[in-house]
């Protein structure tokens, strides 16, 4: 069976790796990306829909296919306004999930974060926890939540702090054993490949993958 995939956030670390994987995957015959700006790539499987995410309702009908992969996210340096940050990391993914459920999309995959908890005192993990809880109430047939710790890999934009932390994790990762394995770093390409592999299983329910599980997949 040839599948259709929808990717939101295809220009980022995870989304760009996932896009390359899906374009090469024989199981997928069509890949639709929702982007703010046209990506510098052409492929017979690829359709680019340039949109204003503040007007997602206009594209409701386009959110249809086998799987939606939501790789949207921002950082404090890019988006210091917490209200705007919440829109990108919570509101947009939740709205995409609702459209996916209404259009009977088989699966919804979303990138969250380790430590996601709606009762957290930290803005980022609290926000991710709220998103996870809200997604679980949408009624999706198959919801896959990925909770990576530190993400590593080549990015379009250099982030000195992340580069430094990534170097530290190369030393720290082997020391994180047992229950601490979920805090090991994850390469963006590894996470993208895990999302692809899980999308082929057609399992119904809610599934959560921490860094240790992602690395095993």
N, C-alpha and C. Protein backbone atom coordinates (compact mmCIF):
# COMPACT_ATOMS: atom_id res chain seq x y z
N UNK A 1 0.85 -1.20 0.00
CA UNK A 1 0.00 0.00 0.00
C UNK A 1 0.88 1.25 0.00
N UNK A 2 0.54 2.23 -0.81
CA UNK A 2 1.29 3.48 -0.88
C UNK A 2 0.61 4.52 0.01
N UNK A 3 1.36 5.12 0.88
CA UNK A 3 0.82 6.05 1.85
C UNK A 3 1.07 7.51 1.48
N UNK A 4 0.25 8.37 2.08
CA UNK A 4 0.48 9.81 2.01
C UNK A 4 0.86 10.31 3.39
N UNK A 5 1.90 11.13 3.46
CA UNK A 5 2.34 11.72 4.72
C UNK A 5 2.21 13.23 4.67
N UNK A 6 1.94 13.81 5.82
CA UNK A 6 1.91 15.26 5.97
C UNK A 6 2.94 15.63 7.03
N UNK A 7 3.83 16.54 6.71
CA UNK A 7 4.85 16.99 7.67
C UNK A 7 4.66 18.47 7.95
N UNK A 8 4.57 18.81 9.22
CA UNK A 8 4.58 20.22 9.65
C UNK A 8 5.91 20.44 10.36
N UNK A 9 6.69 21.38 9.88
CA UNK A 9 8.00 21.61 10.46
C UNK A 9 9.10 20.90 9.68
N UNK A 10 8.96 20.86 8.37
CA UNK A 10 9.89 20.10 7.53
C UNK A 10 11.23 20.79 7.30
N UNK A 11 11.38 22.01 7.78
CA UNK A 11 12.65 22.73 7.58
C UNK A 11 13.59 22.60 8.76
N UNK A 12 13.10 22.04 9.86
CA UNK A 12 13.91 21.92 11.07
C UNK A 12 14.78 20.68 11.08
N UNK A 13 15.49 20.48 12.17
CA UNK A 13 16.42 19.36 12.30
C UNK A 13 15.73 18.02 12.08
N UNK A 14 14.65 17.78 12.78
CA UNK A 14 13.95 16.49 12.69
C UNK A 14 13.15 16.41 11.40
N UNK A 15 12.39 17.46 11.11
CA UNK A 15 11.53 17.46 9.93
C UNK A 15 12.28 17.31 8.63
N UNK A 16 13.44 17.94 8.51
CA UNK A 16 14.20 17.84 7.26
C UNK A 16 14.75 16.43 7.07
N UNK A 17 15.20 15.81 8.15
CA UNK A 17 15.65 14.41 8.07
C UNK A 17 14.49 13.49 7.72
N UNK A 18 13.35 13.74 8.34
CA UNK A 18 12.18 12.91 8.07
C UNK A 18 11.73 13.06 6.62
N UNK A 19 11.77 14.27 6.10
CA UNK A 19 11.38 14.50 4.71
C UNK A 19 12.24 13.67 3.77
N UNK A 20 13.54 13.68 3.97
CA UNK A 20 14.44 12.90 3.12
C UNK A 20 14.15 11.40 3.21
N UNK A 21 13.84 10.95 4.42
CA UNK A 21 13.54 9.53 4.62
C UNK A 21 12.27 9.14 3.89
N UNK A 22 11.23 9.94 4.02
CA UNK A 22 9.93 9.60 3.42
C UNK A 22 9.98 9.69 1.89
N UNK A 23 10.74 10.64 1.37
CA UNK A 23 10.85 10.75 -0.09
C UNK A 23 11.55 9.52 -0.67
N UNK A 24 12.42 8.92 0.11
CA UNK A 24 13.15 7.73 -0.36
C UNK A 24 12.43 6.43 -0.02
N UNK A 25 11.41 6.51 0.85
CA UNK A 25 10.73 5.30 1.31
C UNK A 25 9.73 4.78 0.28
N UNK A 26 9.80 3.52 -0.08
CA UNK A 26 8.87 2.96 -1.06
C UNK A 26 7.42 2.89 -0.56
N UNK A 27 7.25 2.90 0.76
CA UNK A 27 5.89 2.81 1.32
C UNK A 27 5.10 4.11 1.15
N UNK A 28 5.80 5.20 0.90
CA UNK A 28 5.12 6.50 0.77
C UNK A 28 5.17 6.98 -0.68
N UNK A 29 4.01 7.26 -1.23
CA UNK A 29 3.92 7.73 -2.62
C UNK A 29 3.72 9.23 -2.70
N UNK A 30 3.34 9.85 -1.57
CA UNK A 30 3.09 11.30 -1.57
C UNK A 30 3.48 11.89 -0.22
N UNK A 31 4.19 13.00 -0.27
CA UNK A 31 4.57 13.71 0.95
C UNK A 31 4.17 15.17 0.80
N UNK A 32 3.28 15.62 1.66
CA UNK A 32 2.83 17.01 1.68
C UNK A 32 3.51 17.71 2.84
N UNK A 33 4.18 18.82 2.56
CA UNK A 33 4.80 19.58 3.65
C UNK A 33 4.08 20.92 3.81
N UNK A 34 3.82 21.28 5.06
CA UNK A 34 3.22 22.56 5.38
C UNK A 34 4.36 23.48 5.80
N UNK A 35 4.61 24.50 5.03
CA UNK A 35 5.78 25.35 5.26
C UNK A 35 5.42 26.84 5.20
N UNK A 36 6.23 27.64 5.88
CA UNK A 36 6.05 29.09 5.82
C UNK A 36 6.70 29.65 4.55
N UNK A 37 7.79 29.00 4.15
CA UNK A 37 8.52 29.40 2.94
C UNK A 37 8.86 28.17 2.12
N UNK A 38 8.89 28.33 0.81
CA UNK A 38 9.19 27.23 -0.09
C UNK A 38 10.56 26.62 0.24
N UNK A 39 10.61 25.30 0.31
CA UNK A 39 11.88 24.62 0.56
C UNK A 39 12.64 24.47 -0.76
N UNK A 40 13.98 24.55 -0.72
CA UNK A 40 14.78 24.43 -1.95
C UNK A 40 14.97 22.98 -2.36
N UNK A 41 13.87 22.28 -2.59
CA UNK A 41 13.93 20.88 -2.96
C UNK A 41 12.77 20.54 -3.88
N UNK A 42 13.03 19.70 -4.86
CA UNK A 42 11.99 19.23 -5.77
C UNK A 42 12.04 17.71 -5.83
N UNK A 43 10.87 17.10 -5.87
CA UNK A 43 10.80 15.64 -5.94
C UNK A 43 9.42 15.28 -6.46
N UNK A 44 9.33 14.19 -7.20
CA UNK A 44 8.05 13.81 -7.79
C UNK A 44 6.99 13.45 -6.73
N UNK A 45 7.44 13.06 -5.53
CA UNK A 45 6.51 12.73 -4.46
C UNK A 45 6.08 13.95 -3.65
N UNK A 46 6.83 15.02 -3.78
CA UNK A 46 6.69 16.15 -2.86
C UNK A 46 5.73 17.22 -3.34
N UNK A 47 4.84 17.63 -2.43
CA UNK A 47 3.97 18.78 -2.64
C UNK A 47 4.21 19.75 -1.50
N UNK A 48 4.48 20.99 -1.84
CA UNK A 48 4.71 22.01 -0.81
C UNK A 48 3.52 22.95 -0.73
N UNK A 49 2.99 23.09 0.46
CA UNK A 49 1.88 23.99 0.70
C UNK A 49 2.37 25.13 1.59
N UNK A 50 2.59 26.30 0.98
CA UNK A 50 3.08 27.46 1.72
C UNK A 50 1.89 28.11 2.42
N UNK A 51 1.95 28.15 3.74
CA UNK A 51 0.79 28.61 4.49
C UNK A 51 1.17 29.61 5.58
N UNK A 52 0.15 30.29 6.08
CA UNK A 52 0.25 31.09 7.28
C UNK A 52 -0.34 30.23 8.40
N UNK A 53 0.50 29.79 9.34
CA UNK A 53 0.03 28.89 10.38
C UNK A 53 -1.02 29.53 11.28
N UNK A 54 -1.09 30.85 11.26
CA UNK A 54 -2.14 31.52 12.03
C UNK A 54 -3.51 31.36 11.37
N UNK A 55 -3.51 30.83 10.15
CA UNK A 55 -4.76 30.61 9.42
C UNK A 55 -4.90 29.14 9.03
N UNK A 56 -4.54 28.26 9.96
CA UNK A 56 -4.54 26.82 9.69
C UNK A 56 -5.92 26.30 9.26
N UNK A 57 -6.96 26.95 9.77
CA UNK A 57 -8.32 26.50 9.45
C UNK A 57 -8.56 26.45 7.94
N UNK A 58 -7.89 27.31 7.20
CA UNK A 58 -8.08 27.36 5.75
C UNK A 58 -7.60 26.07 5.06
N UNK A 59 -6.73 25.34 5.74
CA UNK A 59 -6.10 24.17 5.12
C UNK A 59 -6.59 22.86 5.74
N UNK A 60 -7.73 22.94 6.39
CA UNK A 60 -8.32 21.79 7.07
C UNK A 60 -8.39 20.57 6.15
N UNK A 61 -8.89 20.74 4.95
CA UNK A 61 -9.09 19.61 4.04
C UNK A 61 -7.79 18.96 3.60
N UNK A 62 -6.68 19.70 3.64
CA UNK A 62 -5.39 19.16 3.18
C UNK A 62 -4.78 18.18 4.19
N UNK A 63 -5.27 18.23 5.44
CA UNK A 63 -4.71 17.37 6.49
C UNK A 63 -5.39 16.01 6.41
N UNK A 64 -5.06 15.27 5.38
CA UNK A 64 -5.67 13.96 5.15
C UNK A 64 -4.63 13.03 4.56
N UNK A 65 -4.63 11.79 5.04
CA UNK A 65 -3.67 10.82 4.55
C UNK A 65 -3.43 9.73 5.58
N UNK A 66 -2.29 9.08 5.50
CA UNK A 66 -1.97 7.99 6.43
C UNK A 66 -1.42 8.51 7.76
N UNK A 67 -0.50 9.49 7.69
CA UNK A 67 0.15 9.95 8.91
C UNK A 67 0.47 11.44 8.85
N UNK A 68 0.25 12.11 9.97
CA UNK A 68 0.69 13.49 10.15
C UNK A 68 1.88 13.46 11.09
N UNK A 69 2.97 14.09 10.68
CA UNK A 69 4.17 14.19 11.51
C UNK A 69 4.34 15.65 11.90
N UNK A 70 4.17 15.94 13.18
CA UNK A 70 4.28 17.32 13.65
C UNK A 70 5.64 17.52 14.32
N UNK A 71 6.49 18.26 13.62
CA UNK A 71 7.84 18.55 14.11
C UNK A 71 8.01 20.03 14.40
N UNK A 72 6.90 20.70 14.68
CA UNK A 72 6.94 22.13 14.95
C UNK A 72 7.58 22.42 16.30
N UNK A 73 8.27 23.52 16.39
CA UNK A 73 8.86 23.92 17.66
C UNK A 73 9.69 25.17 17.50
N UNK A 74 9.93 25.83 18.61
CA UNK A 74 10.73 27.05 18.58
C UNK A 74 11.64 27.07 19.80
N UNK A 75 12.35 28.15 19.99
CA UNK A 75 13.22 28.32 21.15
C UNK A 75 12.98 29.70 21.76
N UNK A 76 13.45 29.87 22.97
CA UNK A 76 13.28 31.16 23.66
C UNK A 76 14.00 32.29 22.91
N UNK A 77 15.15 31.96 22.34
CA UNK A 77 15.90 33.00 21.62
C UNK A 77 15.17 33.42 20.35
N UNK A 78 14.52 32.46 19.67
CA UNK A 78 13.77 32.77 18.46
C UNK A 78 12.45 33.43 18.77
N UNK A 79 11.82 32.98 19.88
CA UNK A 79 10.48 33.45 20.23
C UNK A 79 10.43 33.80 21.72
N UNK A 80 10.89 34.96 22.10
CA UNK A 80 10.88 35.34 23.53
C UNK A 80 9.49 35.58 24.11
N UNK A 81 8.54 35.89 23.25
CA UNK A 81 7.16 36.13 23.70
C UNK A 81 6.50 34.79 24.03
N UNK A 82 6.15 34.58 25.30
CA UNK A 82 5.60 33.29 25.72
C UNK A 82 4.25 32.98 25.06
N UNK A 83 3.48 34.02 24.79
CA UNK A 83 2.19 33.79 24.13
C UNK A 83 2.41 33.23 22.73
N UNK A 84 3.35 33.82 22.01
CA UNK A 84 3.66 33.36 20.67
C UNK A 84 4.31 31.98 20.71
N UNK A 85 5.15 31.76 21.70
CA UNK A 85 5.81 30.47 21.89
C UNK A 85 4.74 29.38 22.06
N UNK A 86 3.73 29.68 22.86
CA UNK A 86 2.67 28.71 23.12
C UNK A 86 1.89 28.39 21.83
N UNK A 87 1.68 29.41 21.02
CA UNK A 87 0.99 29.17 19.75
C UNK A 87 1.72 28.13 18.90
N UNK A 88 3.04 28.29 18.80
CA UNK A 88 3.84 27.42 17.94
C UNK A 88 3.99 26.02 18.52
N UNK A 89 4.24 25.93 19.82
CA UNK A 89 4.53 24.63 20.43
C UNK A 89 3.29 23.90 20.95
N UNK A 90 2.18 24.60 21.09
CA UNK A 90 0.97 23.96 21.61
C UNK A 90 -0.23 24.10 20.67
N UNK A 91 -0.58 25.33 20.34
CA UNK A 91 -1.82 25.57 19.60
C UNK A 91 -1.81 24.98 18.19
N UNK A 92 -0.72 25.20 17.46
CA UNK A 92 -0.64 24.68 16.09
C UNK A 92 -0.68 23.14 16.07
N UNK A 93 0.14 22.45 16.88
CA UNK A 93 0.07 20.99 16.88
C UNK A 93 -1.30 20.46 17.27
N UNK A 94 -1.93 21.10 18.25
CA UNK A 94 -3.24 20.63 18.69
C UNK A 94 -4.29 20.80 17.60
N UNK A 95 -4.24 21.92 16.90
CA UNK A 95 -5.20 22.15 15.82
C UNK A 95 -4.98 21.14 14.68
N UNK A 96 -3.71 20.87 14.36
CA UNK A 96 -3.41 19.87 13.32
C UNK A 96 -3.96 18.51 13.73
N UNK A 97 -3.83 18.17 15.00
CA UNK A 97 -4.35 16.88 15.49
C UNK A 97 -5.86 16.81 15.37
N UNK A 98 -6.53 17.90 15.66
CA UNK A 98 -8.00 17.92 15.54
C UNK A 98 -8.43 17.74 14.10
N UNK A 99 -7.73 18.39 13.17
CA UNK A 99 -8.05 18.23 11.76
C UNK A 99 -7.77 16.80 11.31
N UNK A 100 -6.68 16.22 11.80
CA UNK A 100 -6.32 14.85 11.45
C UNK A 100 -7.40 13.88 11.93
N UNK A 101 -7.89 14.12 13.14
CA UNK A 101 -8.94 13.24 13.68
C UNK A 101 -10.24 13.39 12.88
N UNK A 102 -10.59 14.62 12.54
CA UNK A 102 -11.81 14.86 11.78
C UNK A 102 -11.74 14.27 10.37
N UNK A 103 -10.53 14.24 9.79
CA UNK A 103 -10.34 13.73 8.44
C UNK A 103 -9.94 12.25 8.43
N UNK A 104 -10.02 11.63 9.61
CA UNK A 104 -9.77 10.19 9.75
C UNK A 104 -8.36 9.79 9.30
N UNK A 105 -7.40 10.62 9.63
CA UNK A 105 -5.99 10.26 9.40
C UNK A 105 -5.65 9.10 10.33
N UNK A 106 -4.92 8.14 9.82
CA UNK A 106 -4.62 6.93 10.59
C UNK A 106 -3.76 7.22 11.81
N UNK A 107 -2.74 8.07 11.66
CA UNK A 107 -1.77 8.27 12.73
C UNK A 107 -1.39 9.74 12.88
N UNK A 108 -1.02 10.08 14.13
CA UNK A 108 -0.49 11.42 14.40
C UNK A 108 0.78 11.25 15.23
N UNK A 109 1.89 11.79 14.72
CA UNK A 109 3.19 11.70 15.39
C UNK A 109 3.61 13.10 15.80
N UNK A 110 4.06 13.25 17.05
CA UNK A 110 4.43 14.58 17.52
C UNK A 110 5.71 14.53 18.35
N UNK A 111 6.54 15.54 18.17
CA UNK A 111 7.78 15.65 18.95
C UNK A 111 7.50 16.49 20.19
N UNK A 112 7.66 15.88 21.35
CA UNK A 112 7.49 16.56 22.63
C UNK A 112 8.88 16.69 23.27
N UNK A 113 9.01 16.41 24.54
CA UNK A 113 10.32 16.53 25.20
C UNK A 113 10.34 15.69 26.47
N UNK A 114 11.52 15.24 26.83
CA UNK A 114 11.66 14.50 28.09
C UNK A 114 11.25 15.41 29.25
N UNK A 115 10.57 14.81 30.23
CA UNK A 115 10.14 15.59 31.38
C UNK A 115 8.85 16.36 31.18
N UNK A 116 8.19 16.15 30.04
CA UNK A 116 6.93 16.85 29.79
C UNK A 116 5.93 16.57 30.92
N UNK A 117 5.41 17.64 31.52
CA UNK A 117 4.53 17.48 32.68
C UNK A 117 3.74 18.77 32.87
N UNK A 118 2.43 18.68 32.78
CA UNK A 118 1.61 19.88 32.87
C UNK A 118 1.68 20.54 34.24
N UNK A 119 2.20 19.84 35.25
CA UNK A 119 2.33 20.43 36.59
C UNK A 119 3.74 20.99 36.85
N UNK A 120 4.60 20.93 35.83
CA UNK A 120 5.98 21.40 35.99
C UNK A 120 6.02 22.90 36.27
N UNK A 121 7.03 23.32 37.01
CA UNK A 121 7.21 24.75 37.29
C UNK A 121 7.99 25.43 36.16
N UNK A 122 8.51 24.63 35.25
CA UNK A 122 9.27 25.17 34.13
C UNK A 122 8.37 25.35 32.91
N UNK A 123 8.45 26.50 32.29
CA UNK A 123 7.56 26.84 31.18
C UNK A 123 7.59 25.79 30.07
N UNK A 124 8.79 25.39 29.64
CA UNK A 124 8.93 24.50 28.49
C UNK A 124 8.32 23.12 28.76
N UNK A 125 8.71 22.48 29.86
CA UNK A 125 8.19 21.14 30.15
C UNK A 125 6.70 21.19 30.52
N UNK A 126 6.27 22.27 31.13
CA UNK A 126 4.84 22.43 31.43
C UNK A 126 4.04 22.52 30.14
N UNK A 127 4.54 23.31 29.18
CA UNK A 127 3.86 23.48 27.91
C UNK A 127 3.76 22.16 27.15
N UNK A 128 4.86 21.42 27.13
CA UNK A 128 4.86 20.12 26.45
C UNK A 128 3.91 19.15 27.14
N UNK A 129 3.85 19.21 28.46
CA UNK A 129 2.93 18.35 29.19
C UNK A 129 1.48 18.68 28.89
N UNK A 130 1.18 19.96 28.79
CA UNK A 130 -0.18 20.39 28.46
C UNK A 130 -0.55 19.93 27.05
N UNK A 131 0.40 20.04 26.12
CA UNK A 131 0.15 19.59 24.76
C UNK A 131 -0.15 18.09 24.74
N UNK A 132 0.66 17.30 25.41
CA UNK A 132 0.44 15.85 25.42
C UNK A 132 -0.93 15.51 25.97
N UNK A 133 -1.30 16.13 27.08
CA UNK A 133 -2.61 15.86 27.68
C UNK A 133 -3.74 16.24 26.74
N UNK A 134 -3.61 17.39 26.10
CA UNK A 134 -4.66 17.85 25.19
C UNK A 134 -4.76 16.94 23.96
N UNK A 135 -3.63 16.49 23.46
CA UNK A 135 -3.64 15.59 22.30
C UNK A 135 -4.32 14.27 22.63
N UNK A 136 -4.12 13.78 23.84
CA UNK A 136 -4.71 12.50 24.26
C UNK A 136 -6.23 12.58 24.32
N UNK A 137 -6.75 13.80 24.44
CA UNK A 137 -8.21 13.97 24.51
C UNK A 137 -8.86 14.19 23.14
N UNK A 138 -8.07 14.29 22.10
CA UNK A 138 -8.61 14.58 20.77
C UNK A 138 -9.38 13.38 20.20
N UNK A 139 -8.96 12.18 20.57
CA UNK A 139 -9.62 10.98 20.05
C UNK A 139 -8.97 10.42 18.81
N UNK A 140 -7.67 10.62 18.68
CA UNK A 140 -6.93 10.10 17.53
C UNK A 140 -6.87 8.58 17.56
N UNK A 141 -6.91 7.99 16.40
CA UNK A 141 -6.83 6.53 16.31
C UNK A 141 -5.47 6.02 16.80
N UNK A 142 -4.42 6.73 16.45
CA UNK A 142 -3.06 6.31 16.80
C UNK A 142 -2.22 7.56 17.06
N UNK A 143 -1.81 7.73 18.31
CA UNK A 143 -1.03 8.90 18.71
C UNK A 143 0.35 8.45 19.18
N UNK A 144 1.38 8.98 18.54
CA UNK A 144 2.76 8.63 18.88
C UNK A 144 3.47 9.89 19.39
N UNK A 145 3.92 9.83 20.64
CA UNK A 145 4.58 10.97 21.29
C UNK A 145 6.05 10.64 21.51
N UNK A 146 6.91 11.49 21.00
CA UNK A 146 8.35 11.28 21.12
C UNK A 146 8.92 12.29 22.11
N UNK A 147 9.62 11.80 23.13
CA UNK A 147 10.14 12.66 24.20
C UNK A 147 11.67 12.60 24.24
N UNK A 148 12.32 13.21 23.27
CA UNK A 148 13.78 13.20 23.27
C UNK A 148 14.34 14.12 24.35
N UNK A 149 15.55 13.82 24.77
CA UNK A 149 16.30 14.72 25.64
C UNK A 149 17.04 15.70 24.72
N UNK A 150 18.30 15.91 24.91
CA UNK A 150 19.08 16.81 24.06
C UNK A 150 19.10 16.30 22.63
N UNK A 151 18.74 17.17 21.67
CA UNK A 151 18.77 16.80 20.26
C UNK A 151 20.09 17.23 19.63
N UNK A 152 20.72 16.32 18.92
CA UNK A 152 21.98 16.63 18.26
C UNK A 152 21.84 16.44 16.75
N UNK A 153 22.79 16.97 16.01
CA UNK A 153 22.75 16.85 14.55
C UNK A 153 23.01 18.18 13.89
N UNK A 154 23.18 18.15 12.59
CA UNK A 154 23.48 19.37 11.84
C UNK A 154 22.22 20.21 11.65
N UNK A 155 22.33 21.48 11.98
CA UNK A 155 21.22 22.42 11.82
C UNK A 155 21.60 23.50 10.83
N UNK A 156 20.56 24.12 10.23
CA UNK A 156 20.82 25.23 9.31
C UNK A 156 21.39 26.43 10.05
N UNK A 157 20.89 26.65 11.27
CA UNK A 157 21.36 27.78 12.07
C UNK A 157 22.25 27.28 13.19
N UNK A 158 23.41 27.89 13.33
CA UNK A 158 24.34 27.50 14.37
C UNK A 158 23.85 28.01 15.73
N UNK A 159 23.83 27.10 16.71
CA UNK A 159 23.45 27.47 18.07
C UNK A 159 24.62 27.11 18.97
N UNK A 160 25.49 28.09 19.29
CA UNK A 160 26.70 27.83 20.06
C UNK A 160 26.46 27.07 21.36
N UNK A 161 25.42 27.47 22.11
CA UNK A 161 25.14 26.82 23.39
C UNK A 161 24.80 25.35 23.19
N UNK A 162 23.97 25.06 22.18
CA UNK A 162 23.59 23.68 21.91
C UNK A 162 24.78 22.86 21.44
N UNK A 163 25.67 23.49 20.69
CA UNK A 163 26.87 22.80 20.22
C UNK A 163 27.73 22.40 21.41
N UNK A 164 27.85 23.30 22.38
CA UNK A 164 28.62 23.02 23.58
C UNK A 164 27.98 21.91 24.40
N UNK A 165 26.66 22.01 24.60
CA UNK A 165 25.95 21.00 25.38
C UNK A 165 26.01 19.65 24.69
N UNK A 166 25.91 19.66 23.34
CA UNK A 166 26.00 18.42 22.58
C UNK A 166 27.34 17.73 22.81
N UNK A 167 28.41 18.52 22.88
CA UNK A 167 29.73 17.98 23.15
C UNK A 167 29.80 17.35 24.53
N UNK A 168 29.17 18.01 25.52
CA UNK A 168 29.14 17.48 26.87
C UNK A 168 28.38 16.16 26.94
N UNK A 169 27.29 16.05 26.16
CA UNK A 169 26.49 14.83 26.20
C UNK A 169 27.27 13.63 25.64
N UNK A 170 28.23 13.87 24.77
CA UNK A 170 29.05 12.77 24.27
C UNK A 170 29.82 12.12 25.41
N UNK A 171 30.14 12.91 26.41
CA UNK A 171 30.84 12.41 27.59
C UNK A 171 29.85 11.83 28.60
N UNK A 172 28.72 12.51 28.74
CA UNK A 172 27.74 12.14 29.76
C UNK A 172 26.91 10.91 29.38
N UNK A 173 26.54 10.78 28.10
CA UNK A 173 25.64 9.70 27.66
C UNK A 173 26.00 8.32 28.20
N UNK A 174 27.26 7.88 28.09
CA UNK A 174 27.59 6.53 28.58
C UNK A 174 27.40 6.35 30.09
N UNK A 175 27.35 7.47 30.81
CA UNK A 175 27.18 7.42 32.26
C UNK A 175 25.72 7.35 32.68
N UNK A 176 24.84 7.61 31.73
CA UNK A 176 23.40 7.59 32.03
C UNK A 176 22.87 6.17 31.84
N UNK A 177 22.74 5.47 32.93
CA UNK A 177 22.35 4.06 32.91
C UNK A 177 21.02 3.85 33.61
N UNK A 178 20.41 2.68 33.37
CA UNK A 178 19.15 2.36 34.03
C UNK A 178 18.06 3.36 33.70
N UNK A 179 17.42 3.88 34.74
CA UNK A 179 16.33 4.85 34.55
C UNK A 179 16.81 6.16 33.94
N UNK A 180 18.10 6.41 34.02
CA UNK A 180 18.65 7.66 33.48
C UNK A 180 18.87 7.61 31.98
N UNK A 181 18.68 6.45 31.36
CA UNK A 181 18.90 6.32 29.92
C UNK A 181 17.98 7.25 29.12
N UNK A 182 16.83 7.55 29.69
CA UNK A 182 15.88 8.40 28.96
C UNK A 182 16.39 9.83 28.80
N UNK A 183 17.46 10.16 29.53
CA UNK A 183 18.03 11.50 29.43
C UNK A 183 19.21 11.57 28.45
N UNK A 184 19.52 10.45 27.80
CA UNK A 184 20.60 10.47 26.82
C UNK A 184 20.21 11.31 25.61
N UNK A 185 21.20 11.86 24.94
CA UNK A 185 20.92 12.68 23.75
C UNK A 185 20.44 11.81 22.60
N UNK A 186 19.77 12.44 21.66
CA UNK A 186 19.24 11.75 20.48
C UNK A 186 19.61 12.55 19.24
N UNK A 187 20.14 11.89 18.25
CA UNK A 187 20.43 12.56 16.99
C UNK A 187 19.13 12.80 16.24
N UNK A 188 19.00 13.96 15.61
CA UNK A 188 17.77 14.29 14.89
C UNK A 188 17.43 13.27 13.81
N UNK A 189 18.43 12.74 13.13
CA UNK A 189 18.20 11.74 12.08
C UNK A 189 17.69 10.43 12.69
N UNK A 190 18.19 10.09 13.89
CA UNK A 190 17.74 8.88 14.58
C UNK A 190 16.26 9.00 14.95
N UNK A 191 15.88 10.16 15.46
CA UNK A 191 14.48 10.39 15.83
C UNK A 191 13.59 10.33 14.59
N UNK A 192 14.02 10.95 13.52
CA UNK A 192 13.24 10.94 12.28
C UNK A 192 13.04 9.51 11.78
N UNK A 193 14.08 8.70 11.85
CA UNK A 193 13.99 7.32 11.40
C UNK A 193 13.03 6.52 12.29
N UNK A 194 13.04 6.80 13.58
CA UNK A 194 12.12 6.13 14.50
C UNK A 194 10.68 6.48 14.15
N UNK A 195 10.41 7.73 13.84
CA UNK A 195 9.06 8.16 13.47
C UNK A 195 8.60 7.43 12.21
N UNK A 196 9.49 7.34 11.24
CA UNK A 196 9.18 6.63 10.00
C UNK A 196 8.86 5.17 10.28
N UNK A 197 9.71 4.49 11.06
CA UNK A 197 9.51 3.07 11.32
C UNK A 197 8.20 2.81 12.06
N UNK A 198 7.90 3.64 13.04
CA UNK A 198 6.66 3.46 13.78
C UNK A 198 5.43 3.71 12.92
N UNK A 199 5.56 4.56 11.92
CA UNK A 199 4.42 4.86 11.04
C UNK A 199 4.05 3.67 10.17
N UNK A 200 4.91 2.70 10.07
CA UNK A 200 4.64 1.52 9.24
C UNK A 200 3.95 0.40 10.01
N UNK A 201 3.80 0.56 11.33
CA UNK A 201 3.28 -0.53 12.15
C UNK A 201 1.76 -0.57 12.24
N UNK A 202 1.10 0.55 11.97
CA UNK A 202 -0.38 0.59 11.98
C UNK A 202 -0.99 0.11 13.30
N UNK A 203 -0.38 0.51 14.39
CA UNK A 203 -0.90 0.14 15.71
C UNK A 203 -1.80 1.24 16.25
N UNK A 204 -2.95 0.84 16.82
CA UNK A 204 -3.88 1.81 17.39
C UNK A 204 -3.57 2.02 18.86
N UNK A 205 -3.79 3.25 19.34
CA UNK A 205 -3.56 3.55 20.74
C UNK A 205 -2.68 4.77 20.93
N UNK A 206 -2.20 4.93 22.15
CA UNK A 206 -1.31 6.05 22.50
C UNK A 206 0.04 5.48 22.90
N UNK A 207 1.08 5.96 22.27
CA UNK A 207 2.42 5.43 22.50
C UNK A 207 3.38 6.58 22.82
N UNK A 208 4.24 6.37 23.82
CA UNK A 208 5.22 7.38 24.21
C UNK A 208 6.62 6.78 24.17
N UNK A 209 7.54 7.50 23.56
CA UNK A 209 8.90 7.02 23.40
C UNK A 209 9.89 8.03 23.98
N UNK A 210 10.63 7.62 25.01
CA UNK A 210 11.68 8.46 25.56
C UNK A 210 12.97 8.19 24.78
N UNK A 211 14.02 8.94 25.09
CA UNK A 211 15.26 8.86 24.32
C UNK A 211 15.81 7.44 24.20
N UNK A 212 15.78 6.67 25.28
CA UNK A 212 16.31 5.32 25.24
C UNK A 212 15.53 4.45 24.25
N UNK A 213 14.21 4.61 24.22
CA UNK A 213 13.39 3.84 23.28
C UNK A 213 13.61 4.31 21.85
N UNK A 214 13.75 5.61 21.68
CA UNK A 214 13.98 6.17 20.35
C UNK A 214 15.28 5.64 19.77
N UNK A 215 16.32 5.61 20.57
CA UNK A 215 17.61 5.11 20.11
C UNK A 215 17.56 3.64 19.76
N UNK A 216 16.72 2.86 20.45
CA UNK A 216 16.59 1.43 20.16
C UNK A 216 15.84 1.21 18.85
N UNK A 217 14.83 2.02 18.60
CA UNK A 217 14.04 1.88 17.37
C UNK A 217 14.93 2.06 16.16
